[in-house]
Amino acid sequence: VRWVRPEGIHLTLKFMGEIPIATVEKVLKSLPEAVLGSSPFPLAI
């Protein structure tokens, strides 16, 4: 097995692959609006 390094473990919501930095900046601006109506919610491993 090739283990994921501990700091690389996360819960992926959206994988976008290889995208231009300009698109990354657009995502950055859109993301706060996308999560605006969400409240914190419980999760467990």
PDB file of all heavy atoms in Angstrom:
ATOM      1  N   VAL A   1       0.834  -1.209   0.000  1.00  0.00           N
ATOM      2  CA  VAL A   1       0.000   0.000   0.000  1.00  0.00           C
ATOM      3  C   VAL A   1       0.865   1.254   0.000  1.00  0.00           C
ATOM      4  O   VAL A   1       1.880   1.327   0.688  1.00  0.00           O
ATOM      5  CB  VAL A   1      -0.932   0.010   1.235  1.00  0.00           C
ATOM      6  CG1 VAL A   1      -1.750   1.298   1.284  1.00  0.00           C
ATOM      7  CG2 VAL A   1      -1.840  -1.215   1.232  1.00  0.00           C
ATOM      8  N   ARG A   2       0.446   2.264  -0.773  1.00  0.00           N
ATOM      9  CA  ARG A   2       1.019   3.611  -0.692  1.00  0.00           C
ATOM     10  C   ARG A   2       0.084   4.438   0.198  1.00  0.00           C
ATOM     11  O   ARG A   2      -1.021   4.797  -0.213  1.00  0.00           O
ATOM     12  CB  ARG A   2       1.119   4.264  -2.080  1.00  0.00           C
ATOM     13  CG  ARG A   2       2.022   3.538  -3.054  1.00  0.00           C
ATOM     14  CD  ARG A   2       2.280   4.393  -4.300  1.00  0.00           C
ATOM     15  NE  ARG A   2       1.042   4.938  -4.856  1.00  0.00           N
ATOM     16  CZ  ARG A   2       0.243   4.291  -5.700  1.00  0.00           C
ATOM     17  NH1 ARG A   2       0.548   3.053  -6.086  1.00  0.00           N
ATOM     18  NH2 ARG A   2      -0.842   4.861  -6.161  1.00  0.00           N
ATOM     19  N   TRP A   3       0.526   4.692   1.412  1.00  0.00           N
ATOM     20  CA  TRP A   3      -0.320   5.406   2.363  1.00  0.00           C
ATOM     21  C   TRP A   3      -0.347   6.903   2.074  1.00  0.00           C
ATOM     22  O   TRP A   3       0.666   7.485   1.681  1.00  0.00           O
ATOM     23  CB  TRP A   3       0.170   5.186   3.801  1.00  0.00           C
ATOM     24  CG  TRP A   3       0.162   3.765   4.258  1.00  0.00           C
ATOM     25  CD1 TRP A   3       1.252   2.973   4.501  1.00  0.00           C
ATOM     26  CD2 TRP A   3      -0.987   2.950   4.535  1.00  0.00           C
ATOM     27  NE1 TRP A   3       0.858   1.721   4.919  1.00  0.00           N
ATOM     28  CE2 TRP A   3      -0.506   1.673   4.943  1.00  0.00           C
ATOM     29  CE3 TRP A   3      -2.363   3.167   4.478  1.00  0.00           C
ATOM     30  CZ2 TRP A   3      -1.366   0.632   5.303  1.00  0.00           C
ATOM     31  CZ3 TRP A   3      -3.221   2.133   4.831  1.00  0.00           C
ATOM     32  CH2 TRP A   3      -2.727   0.885   5.233  1.00  0.00           C
ATOM     33  N   VAL A   4      -1.492   7.522   2.273  1.00  0.00           N
ATOM     34  CA  VAL A   4      -1.600   8.978   2.201  1.00  0.00           C
ATOM     35  C   VAL A   4      -0.939   9.557   3.449  1.00  0.00           C
ATOM     36  O   VAL A   4      -1.150   9.058   4.558  1.00  0.00           O
ATOM     37  CB  VAL A   4      -3.084   9.413   2.147  1.00  0.00           C
ATOM     38  CG1 VAL A   4      -3.205  10.937   2.226  1.00  0.00           C
ATOM     39  CG2 VAL A   4      -3.745   8.890   0.875  1.00  0.00           C
ATOM     40  N   ARG A   5      -0.143  10.594   3.274  1.00  0.00           N
ATOM     41  CA  ARG A   5       0.467  11.242   4.429  1.00  0.00           C
ATOM     42  C   ARG A   5      -0.632  11.853   5.303  1.00  0.00           C
ATOM     43  O   ARG A   5      -1.658  12.310   4.792  1.00  0.00           O
ATOM     44  CB  ARG A   5       1.460  12.306   3.984  1.00  0.00           C
ATOM     45  CG  ARG A   5       2.756  11.730   3.442  1.00  0.00           C
ATOM     46  CD  ARG A   5       3.706  12.815   2.999  1.00  0.00           C
ATOM     47  NE  ARG A   5       3.257  13.442   1.751  1.00  0.00           N
ATOM     48  CZ  ARG A   5       3.935  14.400   1.131  1.00  0.00           C
ATOM     49  NH1 ARG A   5       5.064  14.869   1.640  1.00  0.00           N
ATOM     50  NH2 ARG A   5       3.486  14.915  -0.005  1.00  0.00           N
ATOM     51  N   PRO A   6      -0.445  11.856   6.627  1.00  0.00           N
ATOM     52  CA  PRO A   6      -1.508  12.317   7.536  1.00  0.00           C
ATOM     53  C   PRO A   6      -2.069  13.679   7.167  1.00  0.00           C
ATOM     54  O   PRO A   6      -3.293  13.889   7.204  1.00  0.00           O
ATOM     55  CB  PRO A   6      -0.807  12.349   8.902  1.00  0.00           C
ATOM     56  CG  PRO A   6       0.264  11.316   8.791  1.00  0.00           C
ATOM     57  CD  PRO A   6       0.739  11.376   7.370  1.00  0.00           C
ATOM     58  N   GLU A   7      -1.208  14.625   6.800  1.00  0.00           N
ATOM     59  CA  GLU A   7      -1.685  15.963   6.479  1.00  0.00           C
ATOM     60  C   GLU A   7      -2.450  16.022   5.161  1.00  0.00           C
ATOM     61  O   GLU A   7      -3.056  17.044   4.827  1.00  0.00           O
ATOM     62  CB  GLU A   7      -0.511  16.956   6.434  1.00  0.00           C
ATOM     63  CG  GLU A   7       0.533  16.647   5.390  1.00  0.00           C
ATOM     64  CD  GLU A   7       1.657  15.763   5.905  1.00  0.00           C
ATOM     65  OE1 GLU A   7       1.412  14.950   6.826  1.00  0.00           O
ATOM     66  OE2 GLU A   7       2.789  15.894   5.407  1.00  0.00           O
ATOM     67  N   GLY A   8      -2.437  14.922   4.413  1.00  0.00           N
ATOM     68  CA  GLY A   8      -3.178  14.863   3.159  1.00  0.00           C
ATOM     69  C   GLY A   8      -4.535  14.202   3.282  1.00  0.00           C
ATOM     70  O   GLY A   8      -5.247  14.055   2.283  1.00  0.00           O
ATOM     71  N   ILE A   9      -4.920  13.784   4.487  1.00  0.00           N
ATOM     72  CA  ILE A   9      -6.217  13.141   4.697  1.00  0.00           C
ATOM     73  C   ILE A   9      -7.286  14.218   4.853  1.00  0.00           C
ATOM     74  O   ILE A   9      -7.172  15.113   5.687  1.00  0.00           O
ATOM     75  CB  ILE A   9      -6.192  12.228   5.935  1.00  0.00           C
ATOM     76  CG1 ILE A   9      -5.180  11.090   5.725  1.00  0.00           C
ATOM     77  CG2 ILE A   9      -7.581  11.662   6.212  1.00  0.00           C
ATOM     78  CD1 ILE A   9      -4.986  10.214   6.955  1.00  0.00           C
ATOM     79  N   HIS A  10      -8.337  14.137   4.043  1.00  0.00           N
ATOM     80  CA  HIS A  10      -9.391  15.137   4.062  1.00  0.00           C
ATOM     81  C   HIS A  10     -10.648  14.540   3.441  1.00  0.00           C
ATOM     82  O   HIS A  10     -10.600  13.489   2.789  1.00  0.00           O
ATOM     83  CB  HIS A  10      -8.956  16.374   3.266  1.00  0.00           C
ATOM     84  CG  HIS A  10      -8.447  16.020   1.901  1.00  0.00           C
ATOM     85  ND1 HIS A  10      -7.099  15.884   1.629  1.00  0.00           N
ATOM     86  CD2 HIS A  10      -9.100  15.726   0.756  1.00  0.00           C
ATOM     87  CE1 HIS A  10      -6.944  15.520   0.362  1.00  0.00           C
ATOM     88  NE2 HIS A  10      -8.149  15.414  -0.178  1.00  0.00           N
ATOM     89  N   LEU A  11     -11.778  15.210   3.629  1.00  0.00           N
ATOM     90  CA  LEU A  11     -13.045  14.789   3.048  1.00  0.00           C
ATOM     91  C   LEU A  11     -13.295  15.612   1.780  1.00  0.00           C
ATOM     92  O   LEU A  11     -13.665  16.780   1.845  1.00  0.00           O
ATOM     93  CB  LEU A  11     -14.177  14.986   4.060  1.00  0.00           C
ATOM     94  CG  LEU A  11     -15.618  14.815   3.567  1.00  0.00           C
ATOM     95  CD1 LEU A  11     -15.815  13.483   2.863  1.00  0.00           C
ATOM     96  CD2 LEU A  11     -16.585  14.985   4.725  1.00  0.00           C
ATOM     97  N   THR A  12     -13.093  14.995   0.631  1.00  0.00           N
ATOM     98  CA  THR A  12     -13.223  15.709  -0.636  1.00  0.00           C
ATOM     99  C   THR A  12     -14.695  15.939  -0.988  1.00  0.00           C
ATOM    100  O   THR A  12     -15.492  15.004  -1.000  1.00  0.00           O
ATOM    101  CB  THR A  12     -12.552  14.933  -1.777  1.00  0.00           C
ATOM    102  OG1 THR A  12     -11.159  14.756  -1.468  1.00  0.00           O
ATOM    103  CG2 THR A  12     -12.679  15.681  -3.096  1.00  0.00           C
ATOM    104  N   LEU A  13     -15.037  17.198  -1.260  1.00  0.00           N
ATOM    105  CA  LEU A  13     -16.375  17.547  -1.744  1.00  0.00           C
ATOM    106  C   LEU A  13     -16.389  17.662  -3.263  1.00  0.00           C
ATOM    107  O   LEU A  13     -17.369  17.300  -3.914  1.00  0.00           O
ATOM    108  CB  LEU A  13     -16.833  18.876  -1.141  1.00  0.00           C
ATOM    109  CG  LEU A  13     -17.059  18.920   0.366  1.00  0.00           C
ATOM    110  CD1 LEU A  13     -17.444  20.325   0.791  1.00  0.00           C
ATOM    111  CD2 LEU A  13     -18.126  17.920   0.791  1.00  0.00           C
ATOM    112  N   LYS A  14     -15.293  18.186  -3.831  1.00  0.00           N
ATOM    113  CA  LYS A  14     -15.236  18.391  -5.279  1.00  0.00           C
ATOM    114  C   LYS A  14     -13.796  18.332  -5.748  1.00  0.00           C
ATOM    115  O   LYS A  14     -12.965  19.141  -5.320  1.00  0.00           O
ATOM    116  CB  LYS A  14     -15.838  19.761  -5.630  1.00  0.00           C
ATOM    117  CG  LYS A  14     -15.725  20.156  -7.090  1.00  0.00           C
ATOM    118  CD  LYS A  14     -16.609  19.294  -7.973  1.00  0.00           C
ATOM    119  CE  LYS A  14     -16.564  19.740  -9.427  1.00  0.00           C
ATOM    120  NZ  LYS A  14     -17.399  18.888 -10.304  1.00  0.00           N
ATOM    121  N   PHE A  15     -13.483  17.368  -6.593  1.00  0.00           N
ATOM    122  CA  PHE A  15     -12.156  17.285  -7.210  1.00  0.00           C
ATOM    123  C   PHE A  15     -12.237  17.934  -8.582  1.00  0.00           C
ATOM    124  O   PHE A  15     -13.055  17.542  -9.419  1.00  0.00           O
ATOM    125  CB  PHE A  15     -11.706  15.833  -7.323  1.00  0.00           C
ATOM    126  CG  PHE A  15     -10.363  15.685  -7.982  1.00  0.00           C
ATOM    127  CD1 PHE A  15      -9.210  16.082  -7.329  1.00  0.00           C
ATOM    128  CD2 PHE A  15     -10.251  15.159  -9.264  1.00  0.00           C
ATOM    129  CE1 PHE A  15      -7.958  15.965  -7.937  1.00  0.00           C
ATOM    130  CE2 PHE A  15      -9.017  15.034  -9.875  1.00  0.00           C
ATOM    131  CZ  PHE A  15      -7.871  15.438  -9.203  1.00  0.00           C
ATOM    132  N   MET A  16     -11.402  18.922  -8.825  1.00  0.00           N
ATOM    133  CA  MET A  16     -11.460  19.680 -10.076  1.00  0.00           C
ATOM    134  C   MET A  16     -10.346  19.321 -11.045  1.00  0.00           C
ATOM    135  O   MET A  16     -10.372  19.734 -12.208  1.00  0.00           O
ATOM    136  CB  MET A  16     -11.431  21.173  -9.762  1.00  0.00           C
ATOM    137  CG  MET A  16     -12.676  21.623  -9.013  1.00  0.00           C
ATOM    138  SD  MET A  16     -12.577  23.327  -8.380  1.00  0.00           S
ATOM    139  CE  MET A  16     -11.399  23.128  -7.033  1.00  0.00           C
ATOM    140  N   GLY A  17      -9.339  18.582 -10.565  1.00  0.00           N
ATOM    141  CA  GLY A  17      -8.251  18.186 -11.437  1.00  0.00           C
ATOM    142  C   GLY A  17      -7.323  19.346 -11.761  1.00  0.00           C
ATOM    143  O   GLY A  17      -7.240  20.324 -11.025  1.00  0.00           O
ATOM    144  N   GLU A  18      -6.640  19.256 -12.891  1.00  0.00           N
ATOM    145  CA  GLU A  18      -5.691  20.289 -13.312  1.00  0.00           C
ATOM    146  C   GLU A  18      -6.457  21.442 -13.949  1.00  0.00           C
ATOM    147  O   GLU A  18      -7.028  21.294 -15.036  1.00  0.00           O
ATOM    148  CB  GLU A  18      -4.694  19.699 -14.308  1.00  0.00           C
ATOM    149  CG  GLU A  18      -3.854  18.569 -13.766  1.00  0.00           C
ATOM    150  CD  GLU A  18      -2.680  19.079 -12.935  1.00  0.00           C
ATOM    151  OE1 GLU A  18      -2.332  20.267 -13.075  1.00  0.00           O
ATOM    152  OE2 GLU A  18      -2.122  18.286 -12.167  1.00  0.00           O
ATOM    153  N   ILE A  19      -6.466  22.586 -13.281  1.00  0.00           N
ATOM    154  CA  ILE A  19      -7.171  23.749 -13.811  1.00  0.00           C
ATOM    155  C   ILE A  19      -6.253  24.975 -13.759  1.00  0.00           C
ATOM    156  O   ILE A  19      -5.331  25.034 -12.942  1.00  0.00           O
ATOM    157  CB  ILE A  19      -8.477  24.031 -13.044  1.00  0.00           C
ATOM    158  CG1 ILE A  19      -8.182  24.326 -11.564  1.00  0.00           C
ATOM    159  CG2 ILE A  19      -9.440  22.862 -13.176  1.00  0.00           C
ATOM    160  CD1 ILE A  19      -9.426  24.731 -10.771  1.00  0.00           C
ATOM    161  N   PRO A  20      -6.492  25.959 -14.640  1.00  0.00           N
ATOM    162  CA  PRO A  20      -5.660  27.170 -14.647  1.00  0.00           C
ATOM    163  C   PRO A  20      -5.789  27.946 -13.332  1.00  0.00           C
ATOM    164  O   PRO A  20      -6.835  27.919 -12.679  1.00  0.00           O
ATOM    165  CB  PRO A  20      -6.222  27.983 -15.816  1.00  0.00           C
ATOM    166  CG  PRO A  20      -6.956  26.993 -16.662  1.00  0.00           C
ATOM    167  CD  PRO A  20      -7.492  25.966 -15.720  1.00  0.00           C
ATOM    168  N   ILE A  21      -4.731  28.645 -12.964  1.00  0.00           N
ATOM    169  CA  ILE A  21      -4.763  29.450 -11.756  1.00  0.00           C
ATOM    170  C   ILE A  21      -5.888  30.479 -11.817  1.00  0.00           C
ATOM    171  O   ILE A  21      -6.529  30.785 -10.813  1.00  0.00           O
ATOM    172  CB  ILE A  21      -3.397  30.139 -11.532  1.00  0.00           C
ATOM    173  CG1 ILE A  21      -2.386  29.116 -11.021  1.00  0.00           C
ATOM    174  CG2 ILE A  21      -3.505  31.302 -10.556  1.00  0.00           C
ATOM    175  CD1 ILE A  21      -1.025  29.671 -10.701  1.00  0.00           C
ATOM    176  N   ALA A  22      -6.154  31.007 -13.007  1.00  0.00           N
ATOM    177  CA  ALA A  22      -7.245  31.976 -13.148  1.00  0.00           C
ATOM    178  C   ALA A  22      -8.578  31.364 -12.750  1.00  0.00           C
ATOM    179  O   ALA A  22      -9.428  32.028 -12.130  1.00  0.00           O
ATOM    180  CB  ALA A  22      -7.308  32.491 -14.585  1.00  0.00           C
ATOM    181  N   THR A  23      -8.769  30.079 -13.068  1.00  0.00           N
ATOM    182  CA  THR A  23     -10.001  29.395 -12.674  1.00  0.00           C
ATOM    183  C   THR A  23     -10.021  29.144 -11.178  1.00  0.00           C
ATOM    184  O   THR A  23     -11.074  29.237 -10.529  1.00  0.00           O
ATOM    185  CB  THR A  23     -10.138  28.062 -13.445  1.00  0.00           C
ATOM    186  OG1 THR A  23     -10.099  28.317 -14.845  1.00  0.00           O
ATOM    187  CG2 THR A  23     -11.443  27.368 -13.108  1.00  0.00           C
ATOM    188  N   VAL A  24      -8.853  28.826 -10.609  1.00  0.00           N
ATOM    189  CA  VAL A  24      -8.763  28.654  -9.155  1.00  0.00           C
ATOM    190  C   VAL A  24      -9.225  29.928  -8.449  1.00  0.00           C
ATOM    191  O   VAL A  24      -9.958  29.884  -7.456  1.00  0.00           O
ATOM    192  CB  VAL A  24      -7.315  28.302  -8.731  1.00  0.00           C
ATOM    193  CG1 VAL A  24      -7.201  28.280  -7.212  1.00  0.00           C
ATOM    194  CG2 VAL A  24      -6.906  26.949  -9.303  1.00  0.00           C
ATOM    195  N   GLU A  25      -8.825  31.067  -8.975  1.00  0.00           N
ATOM    196  CA  GLU A  25      -9.227  32.335  -8.374  1.00  0.00           C
ATOM    197  C   GLU A  25     -10.734  32.544  -8.475  1.00  0.00           C
ATOM    198  O   GLU A  25     -11.367  33.085  -7.555  1.00  0.00           O
ATOM    199  CB  GLU A  25      -8.485  33.492  -9.059  1.00  0.00           C
ATOM    200  CG  GLU A  25      -6.982  33.480  -8.833  1.00  0.00           C
ATOM    201  CD  GLU A  25      -6.617  33.566  -7.357  1.00  0.00           C
ATOM    202  OE1 GLU A  25      -7.322  34.262  -6.609  1.00  0.00           O
ATOM    203  OE2 GLU A  25      -5.635  32.921  -6.955  1.00  0.00           O
ATOM    204  N   LYS A  26     -11.346  32.112  -9.569  1.00  0.00           N
ATOM    205  CA  LYS A  26     -12.800  32.208  -9.709  1.00  0.00           C
ATOM    206  C   LYS A  26     -13.506  31.297  -8.693  1.00  0.00           C
ATOM    207  O   LYS A  26     -14.524  31.678  -8.110  1.00  0.00           O
ATOM    208  CB  LYS A  26     -13.217  31.830 -11.129  1.00  0.00           C
ATOM    209  CG  LYS A  26     -12.783  32.832 -12.197  1.00  0.00           C
ATOM    210  CD  LYS A  26     -13.217  32.366 -13.579  1.00  0.00           C
ATOM    211  CE  LYS A  26     -12.758  33.357 -14.647  1.00  0.00           C
ATOM    212  NZ  LYS A  26     -13.153  32.891 -16.016  1.00  0.00           N
ATOM    213  N   VAL A  27     -12.948  30.105  -8.505  1.00  0.00           N
ATOM    214  CA  VAL A  27     -13.517  29.186  -7.511  1.00  0.00           C
ATOM    215  C   VAL A  27     -13.413  29.810  -6.125  1.00  0.00           C
ATOM    216  O   VAL A  27     -14.352  29.751  -5.318  1.00  0.00           O
ATOM    217  CB  VAL A  27     -12.786  27.825  -7.551  1.00  0.00           C
ATOM    218  CG1 VAL A  27     -13.260  26.935  -6.401  1.00  0.00           C
ATOM    219  CG2 VAL A  27     -13.021  27.127  -8.890  1.00  0.00           C
ATOM    220  N   LEU A  28     -12.283  30.427  -5.854  1.00  0.00           N
ATOM    221  CA  LEU A  28     -12.053  31.063  -4.567  1.00  0.00           C
ATOM    222  C   LEU A  28     -13.107  32.120  -4.275  1.00  0.00           C
ATOM    223  O   LEU A  28     -13.590  32.246  -3.148  1.00  0.00           O
ATOM    224  CB  LEU A  28     -10.660  31.684  -4.549  1.00  0.00           C
ATOM    225  CG  LEU A  28     -10.240  32.488  -3.318  1.00  0.00           C
ATOM    226  CD1 LEU A  28     -10.312  31.623  -2.070  1.00  0.00           C
ATOM    227  CD2 LEU A  28      -8.850  33.056  -3.504  1.00  0.00           C
ATOM    228  N   LYS A  29     -13.482  32.869  -5.286  1.00  0.00           N
ATOM    229  CA  LYS A  29     -14.485  33.907  -5.107  1.00  0.00           C
ATOM    230  C   LYS A  29     -15.895  33.328  -4.976  1.00  0.00           C
ATOM    231  O   LYS A  29     -16.749  33.910  -4.302  1.00  0.00           O
ATOM    232  CB  LYS A  29     -14.433  34.880  -6.289  1.00  0.00           C
ATOM    233  CG  LYS A  29     -13.155  35.706  -6.345  1.00  0.00           C
ATOM    234  CD  LYS A  29     -13.141  36.624  -7.552  1.00  0.00           C
ATOM    235  CE  LYS A  29     -11.849  37.434  -7.613  1.00  0.00           C
ATOM    236  NZ  LYS A  29     -11.812  38.321  -8.811  1.00  0.00           N
ATOM    237  N   SER A  30     -16.143  32.184  -5.613  1.00  0.00           N
ATOM    238  CA  SER A  30     -17.484  31.595  -5.610  1.00  0.00           C
ATOM    239  C   SER A  30     -17.765  30.745  -4.382  1.00  0.00           C
ATOM    240  O   SER A  30     -18.921  30.605  -3.976  1.00  0.00           O
ATOM    241  CB  SER A  30     -17.673  30.729  -6.868  1.00  0.00           C
ATOM    242  OG  SER A  30     -17.570  31.493  -8.036  1.00  0.00           O
ATOM    243  N   LEU A  31     -16.719  30.171  -3.791  1.00  0.00           N
ATOM    244  CA  LEU A  31     -16.918  29.206  -2.710  1.00  0.00           C
ATOM    245  C   LEU A  31     -17.628  29.784  -1.485  1.00  0.00           C
ATOM    246  O   LEU A  31     -18.546  29.142  -0.942  1.00  0.00           O
ATOM    247  CB  LEU A  31     -15.575  28.586  -2.325  1.00  0.00           C
ATOM    248  CG  LEU A  31     -15.627  27.384  -1.384  1.00  0.00           C
ATOM    249  CD1 LEU A  31     -16.544  26.295  -1.933  1.00  0.00           C
ATOM    250  CD2 LEU A  31     -14.226  26.822  -1.161  1.00  0.00           C
ATOM    251  N   PRO A  32     -17.264  30.980  -1.013  1.00  0.00           N
ATOM    252  CA  PRO A  32     -17.984  31.520   0.151  1.00  0.00           C
ATOM    253  C   PRO A  32     -19.485  31.646  -0.088  1.00  0.00           C
ATOM    254  O   PRO A  32     -20.291  31.389   0.808  1.00  0.00           O
ATOM    255  CB  PRO A  32     -17.329  32.886   0.366  1.00  0.00           C
ATOM    256  CG  PRO A  32     -15.952  32.729  -0.186  1.00  0.00           C
ATOM    257  CD  PRO A  32     -16.121  31.842  -1.380  1.00  0.00           C
ATOM    258  N   GLU A  33     -19.869  32.026  -1.301  1.00  0.00           N
ATOM    259  CA  GLU A  33     -21.287  32.135  -1.629  1.00  0.00           C
ATOM    260  C   GLU A  33     -21.959  30.770  -1.629  1.00  0.00           C
ATOM    261  O   GLU A  33     -23.109  30.623  -1.216  1.00  0.00           O
ATOM    262  CB  GLU A  33     -21.444  32.795  -3.002  1.00  0.00           C
ATOM    263  CG  GLU A  33     -22.893  33.033  -3.406  1.00  0.00           C
ATOM    264  CD  GLU A  33     -23.016  33.691  -4.772  1.00  0.00           C
ATOM    265  OE1 GLU A  33     -22.040  34.317  -5.218  1.00  0.00           O
ATOM    266  OE2 GLU A  33     -24.099  33.572  -5.376  1.00  0.00           O
ATOM    267  N   ALA A  34     -21.214  29.739  -2.072  1.00  0.00           N
ATOM    268  CA  ALA A  34     -21.770  28.386  -2.129  1.00  0.00           C
ATOM    269  C   ALA A  34     -22.102  27.838  -0.743  1.00  0.00           C
ATOM    270  O   ALA A  34     -23.062  27.100  -0.571  1.00  0.00           O
ATOM    271  CB  ALA A  34     -20.799  27.446  -2.844  1.00  0.00           C
ATOM    272  N   VAL A  35     -21.290  28.207   0.260  1.00  0.00           N
ATOM    273  CA  VAL A  35     -21.490  27.657   1.607  1.00  0.00           C
ATOM    274  C   VAL A  35     -22.204  28.630   2.533  1.00  0.00           C
ATOM    275  O   VAL A  35     -22.385  28.338   3.718  1.00  0.00           O
ATOM    276  CB  VAL A  35     -20.140  27.248   2.245  1.00  0.00           C
ATOM    277  CG1 VAL A  35     -19.424  26.248   1.356  1.00  0.00           C
ATOM    278  CG2 VAL A  35     -19.252  28.466   2.495  1.00  0.00           C
ATOM    279  N   LEU A  36     -22.650  29.769   1.989  1.00  0.00           N
ATOM    280  CA  LEU A  36     -23.212  30.831   2.815  1.00  0.00           C
ATOM    281  C   LEU A  36     -24.400  30.372   3.656  1.00  0.00           C
ATOM    282  O   LEU A  36     -24.541  30.732   4.814  1.00  0.00           O
ATOM    283  CB  LEU A  36     -23.627  32.008   1.929  1.00  0.00           C
ATOM    284  CG  LEU A  36     -24.145  33.253   2.652  1.00  0.00           C
ATOM    285  CD1 LEU A  36     -23.057  33.834   3.556  1.00  0.00           C
ATOM    286  CD2 LEU A  36     -24.603  34.307   1.634  1.00  0.00           C
ATOM    287  N   GLY A  37     -25.274  29.558   3.101  1.00  0.00           N
ATOM    288  CA  GLY A  37     -26.472  29.155   3.826  1.00  0.00           C
ATOM    289  C   GLY A  37     -26.302  27.932   4.701  1.00  0.00           C
ATOM    290  O   GLY A  37     -27.267  27.451   5.289  1.00  0.00           O
ATOM    291  N   SER A  38     -25.094  27.407   4.806  1.00  0.00           N
ATOM    292  CA  SER A  38     -24.863  26.172   5.562  1.00  0.00           C
ATOM    293  C   SER A  38     -24.467  26.474   7.000  1.00  0.00           C
ATOM    294  O   SER A  38     -23.711  27.409   7.253  1.00  0.00           O
ATOM    295  CB  SER A  38     -23.755  25.344   4.895  1.00  0.00           C
ATOM    296  OG  SER A  38     -24.111  24.998   3.574  1.00  0.00           O
ATOM    297  N   SER A  39     -24.985  25.683   7.923  1.00  0.00           N
ATOM    298  CA  SER A  39     -24.584  25.772   9.328  1.00  0.00           C
ATOM    299  C   SER A  39     -23.655  24.610   9.657  1.00  0.00           C
ATOM    300  O   SER A  39     -23.686  23.572   8.984  1.00  0.00           O
ATOM    301  CB  SER A  39     -25.815  25.717  10.233  1.00  0.00           C
ATOM    302  OG  SER A  39     -26.648  26.834  10.012  1.00  0.00           O
ATOM    303  N   PRO A  40     -22.816  24.741  10.684  1.00  0.00           N
ATOM    304  CA  PRO A  40     -21.964  23.618  11.092  1.00  0.00           C
ATOM    305  C   PRO A  40     -22.808  22.370  11.374  1.00  0.00           C
ATOM    306  O   PRO A  40     -23.928  22.471  11.889  1.00  0.00           O
ATOM    307  CB  PRO A  40     -21.295  24.137  12.365  1.00  0.00           C
ATOM    308  CG  PRO A  40     -21.288  25.623  12.199  1.00  0.00           C
ATOM    309  CD  PRO A  40     -22.572  25.958  11.487  1.00  0.00           C
ATOM    310  N   PHE A  41     -22.273  21.215  11.025  1.00  0.00           N
ATOM    311  CA  PHE A  41     -23.032  19.976  11.207  1.00  0.00           C
ATOM    312  C   PHE A  41     -22.095  18.871  11.701  1.00  0.00           C
ATOM    313  O   PHE A  41     -20.895  18.908  11.452  1.00  0.00           O
ATOM    314  CB  PHE A  41     -23.709  19.553   9.894  1.00  0.00           C
ATOM    315  CG  PHE A  41     -22.791  19.405   8.724  1.00  0.00           C
ATOM    316  CD1 PHE A  41     -22.231  18.179   8.401  1.00  0.00           C
ATOM    317  CD2 PHE A  41     -22.479  20.505   7.930  1.00  0.00           C
ATOM    318  CE1 PHE A  41     -21.382  18.038   7.317  1.00  0.00           C
ATOM    319  CE2 PHE A  41     -21.617  20.380   6.833  1.00  0.00           C
ATOM    320  CZ  PHE A  41     -21.077  19.147   6.528  1.00  0.00           C
ATOM    321  N   PRO A  42     -22.642  17.895  12.425  1.00  0.00           N
ATOM    322  CA  PRO A  42     -21.802  16.858  13.029  1.00  0.00           C
ATOM    323  C   PRO A  42     -21.369  15.785  12.039  1.00  0.00           C
ATOM    324  O   PRO A  42     -22.145  15.337  11.195  1.00  0.00           O
ATOM    325  CB  PRO A  42     -22.711  16.258  14.102  1.00  0.00           C
ATOM    326  CG  PRO A  42     -24.096  16.464  13.569  1.00  0.00           C
ATOM    327  CD  PRO A  42     -24.052  17.773  12.831  1.00  0.00           C
ATOM    328  N   LEU A  43     -20.109  15.390  12.147  1.00  0.00           N
ATOM    329  CA  LEU A  43     -19.573  14.258  11.403  1.00  0.00           C
ATOM    330  C   LEU A  43     -18.806  13.368  12.364  1.00  0.00           C
ATOM    331  O   LEU A  43     -18.409  13.791  13.444  1.00  0.00           O
ATOM    332  CB  LEU A  43     -18.643  14.731  10.280  1.00  0.00           C
ATOM    333  CG  LEU A  43     -19.281  15.411   9.066  1.00  0.00           C
ATOM    334  CD1 LEU A  43     -18.202  15.884   8.099  1.00  0.00           C
ATOM    335  CD2 LEU A  43     -20.253  14.474   8.367  1.00  0.00           C
ATOM    336  N   ALA A  44     -18.585  12.129  11.963  1.00  0.00           N
ATOM    337  CA  ALA A  44     -17.821  11.188  12.777  1.00  0.00           C
ATOM    338  C   ALA A  44     -17.109  10.204  11.867  1.00  0.00           C
ATOM    339  O   ALA A  44     -17.607   9.853  10.796  1.00  0.00           O
ATOM    340  CB  ALA A  44     -18.743  10.439  13.743  1.00  0.00           C
ATOM    341  N   ILE A  45     -15.920   9.791  12.286  1.00  0.00           N
ATOM    342  CA  ILE A  45     -15.191   8.734  11.576  1.00  0.00           C
ATOM    343  C   ILE A  45     -15.681   7.397  12.099  1.00  0.00           C
ATOM    344  O   ILE A  45     -15.684   7.154  13.299  1.00  0.00           O
ATOM    345  CB  ILE A  45     -13.676   8.866  11.800  1.00  0.00           C
ATOM    346  CG1 ILE A  45     -13.194  10.237  11.324  1.00  0.00           C
ATOM    347  CG2 ILE A  45     -12.919   7.754  11.064  1.00  0.00           C
ATOM    348  CD1 ILE A  45     -11.750  10.524  11.678  1.00  0.00           C
TER     349      ILE A  45
END
